[in-house]
Amino acid sequence: MKAPQDIILRPVITEASMQAIAMKKYTFKVAKDANKIEIAKAVEALFAGTKVAAVNTMNVNGRLKRMGRTAGYRPDWKKAIVTLTADSKTIEFFDSMM
C-alpha cells in the first residue's frame, strides 16, 4: 500500500479550481496509477477532519513545447477533483490562497 504523500502529489492552483472551492471541490495532481478509492483515503488521511463525498479523475495529456527546431511533449499526468461532504471541514491550505 502506498503512503498518502505518494498518491496526492500537489494541488492544482488555477482560476477554475479556485472558484470551485466555494462548492467544496478541491483539485490535485495525483499519481497516474492511483484509483478513486485510494485518492479518497489519501485526502482523508492527509487533511484531518475531511470527509470525501466524490472523486472525479481525468488523464491530462502533456502539451507540445518547442525549443528552436526541436519539439517535444511535456509528461502526461492525472488530475483528481475531490468533492467534500457538506458537514466536512475545509482544507486550510486552500483557505490561505483566497
PDB file of N, CA and C in Angstrom:
ATOM      1  N   MET A   1       0.844  -1.181   0.000  1.00  0.00           N
ATOM      2  CA  MET A   1       0.000   0.000   0.000  1.00  0.00           C
ATOM      3  C   MET A   1       0.887   1.242   0.000  1.00  0.00           C
ATOM      4  N   LYS A   2       0.481   2.229  -0.780  1.00  0.00           N
ATOM      5  CA  LYS A   2       1.256   3.455  -0.894  1.00  0.00           C
ATOM      6  C   LYS A   2       0.895   4.434   0.213  1.00  0.00           C
ATOM      7  N   ALA A   3       1.837   5.284   0.536  1.00  0.00           N
ATOM      8  CA  ALA A   3       1.590   6.342   1.514  1.00  0.00           C
ATOM      9  C   ALA A   3       0.739   7.433   0.862  1.00  0.00           C
ATOM     10  N   PRO A   4      -0.053   8.155   1.651  1.00  0.00           N
ATOM     11  CA  PRO A   4      -0.886   9.227   1.077  1.00  0.00           C
ATOM     12  C   PRO A   4      -0.069  10.298   0.356  1.00  0.00           C
ATOM     13  N   GLN A   5       1.170  10.542   0.812  1.00  0.00           N
ATOM     14  CA  GLN A   5       2.018  11.532   0.157  1.00  0.00           C
ATOM     15  C   GLN A   5       2.459  11.075  -1.230  1.00  0.00           C
ATOM     16  N   ASP A   6       2.461   9.758  -1.469  1.00  0.00           N
ATOM     17  CA  ASP A   6       2.817   9.236  -2.791  1.00  0.00           C
ATOM     18  C   ASP A   6       1.639   9.290  -3.755  1.00  0.00           C
ATOM     19  N   ILE A   7       0.424   9.403  -3.241  1.00  0.00           N
ATOM     20  CA  ILE A   7      -0.773   9.447  -4.087  1.00  0.00           C
ATOM     21  C   ILE A   7      -1.116  10.889  -4.445  1.00  0.00           C
ATOM     22  N   ILE A   8      -1.215  11.764  -3.445  1.00  0.00           N
ATOM     23  CA  ILE A   8      -1.504  13.183  -3.676  1.00  0.00           C
ATOM     24  C   ILE A   8      -0.166  13.888  -3.878  1.00  0.00           C
ATOM     25  N   LEU A   9       0.109  14.336  -5.105  1.00  0.00           N
ATOM     26  CA  LEU A   9       1.413  14.920  -5.408  1.00  0.00           C
ATOM     27  C   LEU A   9       1.466  16.415  -5.117  1.00  0.00           C
ATOM     28  N   ARG A  10       0.473  17.170  -5.588  1.00  0.00           N
ATOM     29  CA  ARG A  10       0.460  18.610  -5.347  1.00  0.00           C
ATOM     30  C   ARG A  10      -0.918  19.159  -5.681  1.00  0.00           C
ATOM     31  N   PRO A  11      -1.276  20.329  -5.139  1.00  0.00           N
ATOM     32  CA  PRO A  11      -2.549  20.953  -5.515  1.00  0.00           C
ATOM     33  C   PRO A  11      -2.428  21.625  -6.873  1.00  0.00           C
ATOM     34  N   VAL A  12      -3.556  21.732  -7.566  1.00  0.00           N
ATOM     35  CA  VAL A  12      -3.608  22.439  -8.841  1.00  0.00           C
ATOM     36  C   VAL A  12      -4.242  23.799  -8.558  1.00  0.00           C
ATOM     37  N   ILE A  13      -3.489  24.864  -8.793  1.00  0.00           N
ATOM     38  CA  ILE A  13      -3.944  26.215  -8.494  1.00  0.00           C
ATOM     39  C   ILE A  13      -4.215  26.936  -9.820  1.00  0.00           C
ATOM     40  N   THR A  14      -5.481  27.019 -10.199  1.00  0.00           N
ATOM     41  CA  THR A  14      -5.904  27.757 -11.387  1.00  0.00           C
ATOM     42  C   THR A  14      -7.121  28.586 -11.017  1.00  0.00           C
ATOM     43  N   GLU A  15      -7.548  29.442 -11.936  1.00  0.00           N
ATOM     44  CA  GLU A  15      -8.733  30.253 -11.664  1.00  0.00           C
ATOM     45  C   GLU A  15      -9.965  29.364 -11.485  1.00  0.00           C
ATOM     46  N   ALA A  16     -10.102  28.375 -12.341  1.00  0.00           N
ATOM     47  CA  ALA A  16     -11.267  27.491 -12.257  1.00  0.00           C
ATOM     48  C   ALA A  16     -11.263  26.685 -10.964  1.00  0.00           C
ATOM     49  N   SER A  17     -10.098  26.194 -10.559  1.00  0.00           N
ATOM     50  CA  SER A  17     -10.050  25.407  -9.330  1.00  0.00           C
ATOM     51  C   SER A  17     -10.295  26.271  -8.099  1.00  0.00           C
ATOM     52  N   MET A  18      -9.893  27.529  -8.134  1.00  0.00           N
ATOM     53  CA  MET A  18     -10.144  28.423  -7.005  1.00  0.00           C
ATOM     54  C   MET A  18     -11.630  28.764  -6.887  1.00  0.00           C
ATOM     55  N   GLN A  19     -12.333  28.893  -8.003  1.00  0.00           N
ATOM     56  CA  GLN A  19     -13.767  29.164  -7.966  1.00  0.00           C
ATOM     57  C   GLN A  19     -14.548  27.944  -7.485  1.00  0.00           C
ATOM     58  N   ALA A  20     -14.043  26.748  -7.741  1.00  0.00           N
ATOM     59  CA  ALA A  20     -14.733  25.525  -7.327  1.00  0.00           C
ATOM     60  C   ALA A  20     -14.635  25.281  -5.826  1.00  0.00           C
ATOM     61  N   ILE A  21     -13.731  25.970  -5.133  1.00  0.00           N
ATOM     62  CA  ILE A  21     -13.584  25.788  -3.687  1.00  0.00           C
ATOM     63  C   ILE A  21     -14.858  26.202  -2.964  1.00  0.00           C
ATOM     64  N   ALA A  22     -15.595  27.148  -3.517  1.00  0.00           N
ATOM     65  CA  ALA A  22     -16.853  27.577  -2.895  1.00  0.00           C
ATOM     66  C   ALA A  22     -17.860  26.430  -2.834  1.00  0.00           C
ATOM     67  N   MET A  23     -17.759  25.471  -3.766  1.00  0.00           N
ATOM     68  CA  MET A  23     -18.638  24.297  -3.776  1.00  0.00           C
ATOM     69  C   MET A  23     -17.979  23.095  -3.111  1.00  0.00           C
ATOM     70  N   LYS A  24     -16.881  23.343  -2.365  1.00  0.00           N
ATOM     71  CA  LYS A  24     -16.110  22.298  -1.672  1.00  0.00           C
ATOM     72  C   LYS A  24     -15.522  21.275  -2.637  1.00  0.00           C
ATOM     73  N   LYS A  25     -15.028  21.760  -3.778  1.00  0.00           N
ATOM     74  CA  LYS A  25     -14.335  20.912  -4.742  1.00  0.00           C
ATOM     75  C   LYS A  25     -12.884  21.352  -4.794  1.00  0.00           C
ATOM     76  N   TYR A  26     -11.968  20.412  -4.546  1.00  0.00           N
ATOM     77  CA  TYR A  26     -10.543  20.690  -4.498  1.00  0.00           C
ATOM     78  C   TYR A  26      -9.843  19.865  -5.571  1.00  0.00           C
ATOM     79  N   THR A  27      -8.877  20.470  -6.258  1.00  0.00           N
ATOM     80  CA  THR A  27      -8.206  19.837  -7.381  1.00  0.00           C
ATOM     81  C   THR A  27      -6.765  19.512  -7.008  1.00  0.00           C
ATOM     82  N   PHE A  28      -6.341  18.292  -7.322  1.00  0.00           N
ATOM     83  CA  PHE A  28      -4.992  17.820  -7.009  1.00  0.00           C
ATOM     84  C   PHE A  28      -4.391  17.109  -8.209  1.00  0.00           C
ATOM     85  N   LYS A  29      -3.049  17.186  -8.305  1.00  0.00           N
ATOM     86  CA  LYS A  29      -2.307  16.326  -9.218  1.00  0.00           C
ATOM     87  C   LYS A  29      -2.011  15.046  -8.442  1.00  0.00           C
ATOM     88  N   VAL A  30      -2.350  13.897  -9.019  1.00  0.00           N
ATOM     89  CA  VAL A  30      -2.208  12.626  -8.310  1.00  0.00           C
ATOM     90  C   VAL A  30      -1.341  11.674  -9.129  1.00  0.00           C
ATOM     91  N   ALA A  31      -0.945  10.580  -8.499  1.00  0.00           N
ATOM     92  CA  ALA A  31      -0.149   9.555  -9.171  1.00  0.00           C
ATOM     93  C   ALA A  31      -0.973   8.932 -10.296  1.00  0.00           C
ATOM     94  N   LYS A  32      -0.300   8.603 -11.404  1.00  0.00           N
ATOM     95  CA  LYS A  32      -1.011   8.084 -12.575  1.00  0.00           C
ATOM     96  C   LYS A  32      -1.681   6.734 -12.321  1.00  0.00           C
ATOM     97  N   ASP A  33      -1.133   5.948 -11.396  1.00  0.00           N
ATOM     98  CA  ASP A  33      -1.692   4.625 -11.150  1.00  0.00           C
ATOM     99  C   ASP A  33      -2.664   4.599  -9.972  1.00  0.00           C
ATOM    100  N   ALA A  34      -3.003   5.749  -9.416  1.00  0.00           N
ATOM    101  CA  ALA A  34      -3.921   5.804  -8.268  1.00  0.00           C
ATOM    102  C   ALA A  34      -5.366   5.726  -8.752  1.00  0.00           C
ATOM    103  N   ASN A  35      -6.195   5.004  -7.996  1.00  0.00           N
ATOM    104  CA  ASN A  35      -7.612   4.945  -8.338  1.00  0.00           C
ATOM    105  C   ASN A  35      -8.410   5.847  -7.399  1.00  0.00           C
ATOM    106  N   LYS A  36      -9.720   5.942  -7.638  1.00  0.00           N
ATOM    107  CA  LYS A  36     -10.561   6.876  -6.887  1.00  0.00           C
ATOM    108  C   LYS A  36     -10.626   6.543  -5.401  1.00  0.00           C
ATOM    109  N   ILE A  37     -10.649   5.277  -5.062  1.00  0.00           N
ATOM    110  CA  ILE A  37     -10.729   4.865  -3.660  1.00  0.00           C
ATOM    111  C   ILE A  37      -9.451   5.252  -2.927  1.00  0.00           C
ATOM    112  N   GLU A  38      -8.295   5.014  -3.551  1.00  0.00           N
ATOM    113  CA  GLU A  38      -7.019   5.386  -2.938  1.00  0.00           C
ATOM    114  C   GLU A  38      -6.919   6.903  -2.772  1.00  0.00           C
ATOM    115  N   ILE A  39      -7.400   7.655  -3.746  1.00  0.00           N
ATOM    116  CA  ILE A  39      -7.342   9.118  -3.673  1.00  0.00           C
ATOM    117  C   ILE A  39      -8.209   9.618  -2.526  1.00  0.00           C
ATOM    118  N   ALA A  40      -9.413   9.063  -2.379  1.00  0.00           N
ATOM    119  CA  ALA A  40     -10.314   9.480  -1.299  1.00  0.00           C
ATOM    120  C   ALA A  40      -9.701   9.191   0.068  1.00  0.00           C
ATOM    121  N   LYS A  41      -9.118   8.012   0.247  1.00  0.00           N
ATOM    122  CA  LYS A  41      -8.493   7.672   1.527  1.00  0.00           C
ATOM    123  C   LYS A  41      -7.273   8.540   1.810  1.00  0.00           C
ATOM    124  N   ALA A  42      -6.522   8.895   0.765  1.00  0.00           N
ATOM    125  CA  ALA A  42      -5.337   9.730   0.950  1.00  0.00           C
ATOM    126  C   ALA A  42      -5.719  11.147   1.373  1.00  0.00           C
ATOM    127  N   VAL A  43      -6.783  11.701   0.796  1.00  0.00           N
ATOM    128  CA  VAL A  43      -7.226  13.050   1.166  1.00  0.00           C
ATOM    129  C   VAL A  43      -7.711  13.057   2.614  1.00  0.00           C
ATOM    130  N   GLU A  44      -8.475  12.043   3.006  1.00  0.00           N
ATOM    131  CA  GLU A  44      -8.968  11.975   4.382  1.00  0.00           C
ATOM    132  C   GLU A  44      -7.823  11.779   5.372  1.00  0.00           C
ATOM    133  N   ALA A  45      -6.755  11.086   4.955  1.00  0.00           N
ATOM    134  CA  ALA A  45      -5.615  10.869   5.852  1.00  0.00           C
ATOM    135  C   ALA A  45      -4.733  12.112   5.959  1.00  0.00           C
ATOM    136  N   LEU A  46      -4.522  12.803   4.856  1.00  0.00           N
ATOM    137  CA  LEU A  46      -3.637  13.971   4.867  1.00  0.00           C
ATOM    138  C   LEU A  46      -4.270  15.185   5.531  1.00  0.00           C
ATOM    139  N   PHE A  47      -5.548  15.395   5.314  1.00  0.00           N
ATOM    140  CA  PHE A  47      -6.234  16.578   5.832  1.00  0.00           C
ATOM    141  C   PHE A  47      -7.253  16.122   6.871  1.00  0.00           C
ATOM    142  N   ALA A  48      -6.917  16.288   8.132  1.00  0.00           N
ATOM    143  CA  ALA A  48      -7.749  15.801   9.230  1.00  0.00           C
ATOM    144  C   ALA A  48      -9.095  16.526   9.244  1.00  0.00           C
ATOM    145  N   GLY A  49     -10.135  15.784   9.514  1.00  0.00           N
ATOM    146  CA  GLY A  49     -11.472  16.360   9.626  1.00  0.00           C
ATOM    147  C   GLY A  49     -12.223  16.456   8.313  1.00  0.00           C
ATOM    148  N   THR A  50     -11.650  15.951   7.223  1.00  0.00           N
ATOM    149  CA  THR A  50     -12.336  15.994   5.930  1.00  0.00           C
ATOM    150  C   THR A  50     -13.007  14.665   5.646  1.00  0.00           C
ATOM    151  N   LYS A  51     -14.154  14.740   4.987  1.00  0.00           N
ATOM    152  CA  LYS A  51     -14.875  13.547   4.539  1.00  0.00           C
ATOM    153  C   LYS A  51     -15.147  13.715   3.054  1.00  0.00           C
ATOM    154  N   VAL A  52     -14.722  12.754   2.257  1.00  0.00           N
ATOM    155  CA  VAL A  52     -14.844  12.832   0.805  1.00  0.00           C
ATOM    156  C   VAL A  52     -16.197  12.289   0.369  1.00  0.00           C
ATOM    157  N   ALA A  53     -16.913  13.069  -0.436  1.00  0.00           N
ATOM    158  CA  ALA A  53     -18.193  12.635  -0.984  1.00  0.00           C
ATOM    159  C   ALA A  53     -18.004  11.980  -2.346  1.00  0.00           C
ATOM    160  N   ALA A  54     -17.151  12.554  -3.206  1.00  0.00           N
ATOM    161  CA  ALA A  54     -16.941  12.014  -4.547  1.00  0.00           C
ATOM    162  C   ALA A  54     -15.558  12.385  -5.047  1.00  0.00           C
ATOM    163  N   VAL A  55     -15.053  11.562  -5.974  1.00  0.00           N
ATOM    164  CA  VAL A  55     -13.771  11.824  -6.617  1.00  0.00           C
ATOM    165  C   VAL A  55     -13.958  11.658  -8.116  1.00  0.00           C
ATOM    166  N   ASN A  56     -13.584  12.687  -8.872  1.00  0.00           N
ATOM    167  CA  ASN A  56     -13.590  12.615 -10.327  1.00  0.00           C
ATOM    168  C   ASN A  56     -12.143  12.698 -10.790  1.00  0.00           C
ATOM    169  N   THR A  57     -11.747  11.809 -11.703  1.00  0.00           N
ATOM    170  CA  THR A  57     -10.373  11.794 -12.185  1.00  0.00           C
ATOM    171  C   THR A  57     -10.345  11.989 -13.692  1.00  0.00           C
ATOM    172  N   MET A  58      -9.236  12.532 -14.179  1.00  0.00           N
ATOM    173  CA  MET A  58      -9.038  12.660 -15.618  1.00  0.00           C
ATOM    174  C   MET A  58      -7.554  12.599 -15.923  1.00  0.00           C
ATOM    175  N   ASN A  59      -7.233  12.007 -17.069  1.00  0.00           N
ATOM    176  CA  ASN A  59      -5.859  11.961 -17.538  1.00  0.00           C
ATOM    177  C   ASN A  59      -5.619  13.177 -18.420  1.00  0.00           C
ATOM    178  N   VAL A  60      -4.555  13.911 -18.134  1.00  0.00           N
ATOM    179  CA  VAL A  60      -4.231  15.129 -18.867  1.00  0.00           C
ATOM    180  C   VAL A  60      -3.026  14.832 -19.750  1.00  0.00           C
ATOM    181  N   ASN A  61      -3.172  15.076 -21.062  1.00  0.00           N
ATOM    182  CA  ASN A  61      -2.070  14.864 -21.991  1.00  0.00           C
ATOM    183  C   ASN A  61      -1.065  15.997 -21.862  1.00  0.00           C
ATOM    184  N   GLY A  62       0.219  15.666 -22.025  1.00  0.00           N
ATOM    185  CA  GLY A  62       1.269  16.670 -21.974  1.00  0.00           C
ATOM    186  C   GLY A  62       1.177  17.611 -23.168  1.00  0.00           C
ATOM    187  N   ARG A  63       1.572  18.863 -22.956  1.00  0.00           N
ATOM    188  CA  ARG A  63       1.476  19.856 -24.012  1.00  0.00           C
ATOM    189  C   ARG A  63       2.733  19.859 -24.877  1.00  0.00           C
ATOM    190  N   LEU A  64       2.568  20.257 -26.110  1.00  0.00           N
ATOM    191  CA  LEU A  64       3.688  20.355 -27.035  1.00  0.00           C
ATOM    192  C   LEU A  64       4.522  21.587 -26.696  1.00  0.00           C
ATOM    193  N   LYS A  65       5.820  21.405 -26.552  1.00  0.00           N
ATOM    194  CA  LYS A  65       6.731  22.507 -26.267  1.00  0.00           C
ATOM    195  C   LYS A  65       7.851  22.492 -27.293  1.00  0.00           C
ATOM    196  N   ARG A  66       8.253  23.678 -27.752  1.00  0.00           N
ATOM    197  CA  ARG A  66       9.309  23.796 -28.748  1.00  0.00           C
ATOM    198  C   ARG A  66      10.524  24.491 -28.153  1.00  0.00           C
ATOM    199  N   MET A  67      11.688  24.039 -28.568  1.00  0.00           N
ATOM    200  CA  MET A  67      12.953  24.678 -28.238  1.00  0.00           C
ATOM    201  C   MET A  67      13.719  24.831 -29.549  1.00  0.00           C
ATOM    202  N   GLY A  68      13.511  25.958 -30.214  1.00  0.00           N
ATOM    203  CA  GLY A  68      14.146  26.146 -31.518  1.00  0.00           C
ATOM    204  C   GLY A  68      13.518  25.230 -32.546  1.00  0.00           C
ATOM    205  N   ARG A  69      14.347  24.416 -33.197  1.00  0.00           N
ATOM    206  CA  ARG A  69      13.833  23.495 -34.212  1.00  0.00           C
ATOM    207  C   ARG A  69      13.214  22.242 -33.620  1.00  0.00           C
ATOM    208  N   THR A  70      13.658  21.851 -32.462  1.00  0.00           N
ATOM    209  CA  THR A  70      13.184  20.594 -31.888  1.00  0.00           C
ATOM    210  C   THR A  70      11.905  20.822 -31.091  1.00  0.00           C
ATOM    211  N   ALA A  71      11.063  19.820 -31.098  1.00  0.00           N
ATOM    212  CA  ALA A  71       9.803  19.889 -30.361  1.00  0.00           C
ATOM    213  C   ALA A  71       9.646  18.605 -29.567  1.00  0.00           C
ATOM    214  N   GLY A  72       8.966  18.723 -28.445  1.00  0.00           N
ATOM    215  CA  GLY A  72       8.710  17.558 -27.610  1.00  0.00           C
ATOM    216  C   GLY A  72       7.476  17.794 -26.783  1.00  0.00           C
ATOM    217  N   TYR A  73       7.079  16.785 -26.044  1.00  0.00           N
ATOM    218  CA  TYR A  73       5.883  16.865 -25.220  1.00  0.00           C
ATOM    219  C   TYR A  73       6.246  16.834 -23.750  1.00  0.00           C
ATOM    220  N   ARG A  74       5.517  17.606 -22.957  1.00  0.00           N
ATOM    221  CA  ARG A  74       5.619  17.512 -21.505  1.00  0.00           C
ATOM    222  C   ARG A  74       5.018  16.178 -21.086  1.00  0.00           C
ATOM    223  N   PRO A  75       5.348  15.693 -19.899  1.00  0.00           N
ATOM    224  CA  PRO A  75       4.805  14.392 -19.488  1.00  0.00           C
ATOM    225  C   PRO A  75       3.295  14.441 -19.222  1.00  0.00           C
ATOM    226  N   ASP A  76       2.632  13.313 -19.479  1.00  0.00           N
ATOM    227  CA  ASP A  76       1.215  13.170 -19.157  1.00  0.00           C
ATOM    228  C   ASP A  76       1.071  13.063 -17.641  1.00  0.00           C
ATOM    229  N   TRP A  77      -0.109  13.487 -17.108  1.00  0.00           N
ATOM    230  CA  TRP A  77      -0.342  13.427 -15.677  1.00  0.00           C
ATOM    231  C   TRP A  77      -1.826  13.215 -15.414  1.00  0.00           C
ATOM    232  N   LYS A  78      -2.149  12.933 -14.168  1.00  0.00           N
ATOM    233  CA  LYS A  78      -3.520  12.642 -13.775  1.00  0.00           C
ATOM    234  C   LYS A  78      -4.006  13.695 -12.791  1.00  0.00           C
ATOM    235  N   LYS A  79      -5.236  14.154 -12.998  1.00  0.00           N
ATOM    236  CA  LYS A  79      -5.832  15.182 -12.157  1.00  0.00           C
ATOM    237  C   LYS A  79      -7.058  14.597 -11.467  1.00  0.00           C
ATOM    238  N   ALA A  80      -7.245  14.951 -10.192  1.00  0.00           N
ATOM    239  CA  ALA A  80      -8.402  14.496  -9.424  1.00  0.00           C
ATOM    240  C   ALA A  80      -9.117  15.700  -8.836  1.00  0.00           C
ATOM    241  N   ILE A  81     -10.435  15.727  -9.001  1.00  0.00           N
ATOM    242  CA  ILE A  81     -11.271  16.751  -8.378  1.00  0.00           C
ATOM    243  C   ILE A  81     -12.027  16.061  -7.254  1.00  0.00           C
ATOM    244  N   VAL A  82     -11.725  16.470  -6.018  1.00  0.00           N
ATOM    245  CA  VAL A  82     -12.275  15.836  -4.825  1.00  0.00           C
ATOM    246  C   VAL A  82     -13.383  16.726  -4.268  1.00  0.00           C
ATOM    247  N   THR A  83     -14.579  16.170  -4.127  1.00  0.00           N
ATOM    248  CA  THR A  83     -15.705  16.883  -3.551  1.00  0.00           C
ATOM    249  C   THR A  83     -15.886  16.420  -2.113  1.00  0.00           C
ATOM    250  N   LEU A  84     -15.920  17.378  -1.187  1.00  0.00           N
ATOM    251  CA  LEU A  84     -16.112  17.060   0.226  1.00  0.00           C
ATOM    252  C   LEU A  84     -17.593  17.111   0.578  1.00  0.00           C
ATOM    253  N   THR A  85     -17.962  16.449   1.678  1.00  0.00           N
ATOM    254  CA  THR A  85     -19.346  16.473   2.131  1.00  0.00           C
ATOM    255  C   THR A  85     -19.682  17.847   2.703  1.00  0.00           C
ATOM    256  N   ALA A  86     -20.963  18.125   2.855  1.00  0.00           N
ATOM    257  CA  ALA A  86     -21.407  19.437   3.325  1.00  0.00           C
ATOM    258  C   ALA A  86     -20.966  19.708   4.761  1.00  0.00           C
ATOM    259  N   ASP A  87     -20.941  18.657   5.607  1.00  0.00           N
ATOM    260  CA  ASP A  87     -20.559  18.845   7.007  1.00  0.00           C
ATOM    261  C   ASP A  87     -19.054  18.680   7.239  1.00  0.00           C
ATOM    262  N   SER A  88     -18.287  18.503   6.178  1.00  0.00           N
ATOM    263  CA  SER A  88     -16.852  18.300   6.295  1.00  0.00           C
ATOM    264  C   SER A  88     -16.124  19.612   6.546  1.00  0.00           C
ATOM    265  N   LYS A  89     -14.971  19.500   7.175  1.00  0.00           N
ATOM    266  CA  LYS A  89     -14.114  20.650   7.417  1.00  0.00           C
ATOM    267  C   LYS A  89     -13.390  21.012   6.115  1.00  0.00           C
ATOM    268  N   THR A  90     -13.111  22.303   5.899  1.00  0.00           N
ATOM    269  CA  THR A  90     -12.408  22.701   4.686  1.00  0.00           C
ATOM    270  C   THR A  90     -10.918  22.418   4.819  1.00  0.00           C
ATOM    271  N   ILE A  91     -10.211  22.482   3.697  1.00  0.00           N
ATOM    272  CA  ILE A  91      -8.772  22.277   3.691  1.00  0.00           C
ATOM    273  C   ILE A  91      -8.106  23.629   3.871  1.00  0.00           C
ATOM    274  N   GLU A  92      -7.332  23.785   4.945  1.00  0.00           N
ATOM    275  CA  GLU A  92      -6.778  25.082   5.325  1.00  0.00           C
ATOM    276  C   GLU A  92      -5.801  25.626   4.299  1.00  0.00           C
ATOM    277  N   PHE A  93      -5.094  24.753   3.590  1.00  0.00           N
ATOM    278  CA  PHE A  93      -4.124  25.215   2.604  1.00  0.00           C
ATOM    279  C   PHE A  93      -4.794  26.082   1.542  1.00  0.00           C
ATOM    280  N   PHE A  94      -5.962  25.670   1.082  1.00  0.00           N
ATOM    281  CA  PHE A  94      -6.660  26.414   0.047  1.00  0.00           C
ATOM    282  C   PHE A  94      -7.305  27.681   0.626  1.00  0.00           C
ATOM    283  N   ASP A  95      -7.646  27.680   1.898  1.00  0.00           N
ATOM    284  CA  ASP A  95      -8.229  28.873   2.514  1.00  0.00           C
ATOM    285  C   ASP A  95      -7.241  30.030   2.513  1.00  0.00           C
ATOM    286  N   SER A  96      -5.962  29.718   2.668  1.00  0.00           N
ATOM    287  CA  SER A  96      -4.965  30.780   2.687  1.00  0.00           C
ATOM    288  C   SER A  96      -4.707  31.339   1.289  1.00  0.00           C
ATOM    289  N   MET A  97      -5.113  30.638   0.258  1.00  0.00           N
ATOM    290  CA  MET A  97      -4.894  31.098  -1.110  1.00  0.00           C
ATOM    291  C   MET A  97      -5.913  32.154  -1.530  1.00  0.00           C
ATOM    292  N   MET A  98      -7.069  32.170  -0.880  1.00  0.00           N
ATOM    293  CA  MET A  98      -8.125  33.082  -1.297  1.00  0.00           C
ATOM    294  C   MET A  98      -8.112  34.374  -0.504  1.00  0.00           C
TER     295      MET A  98
END
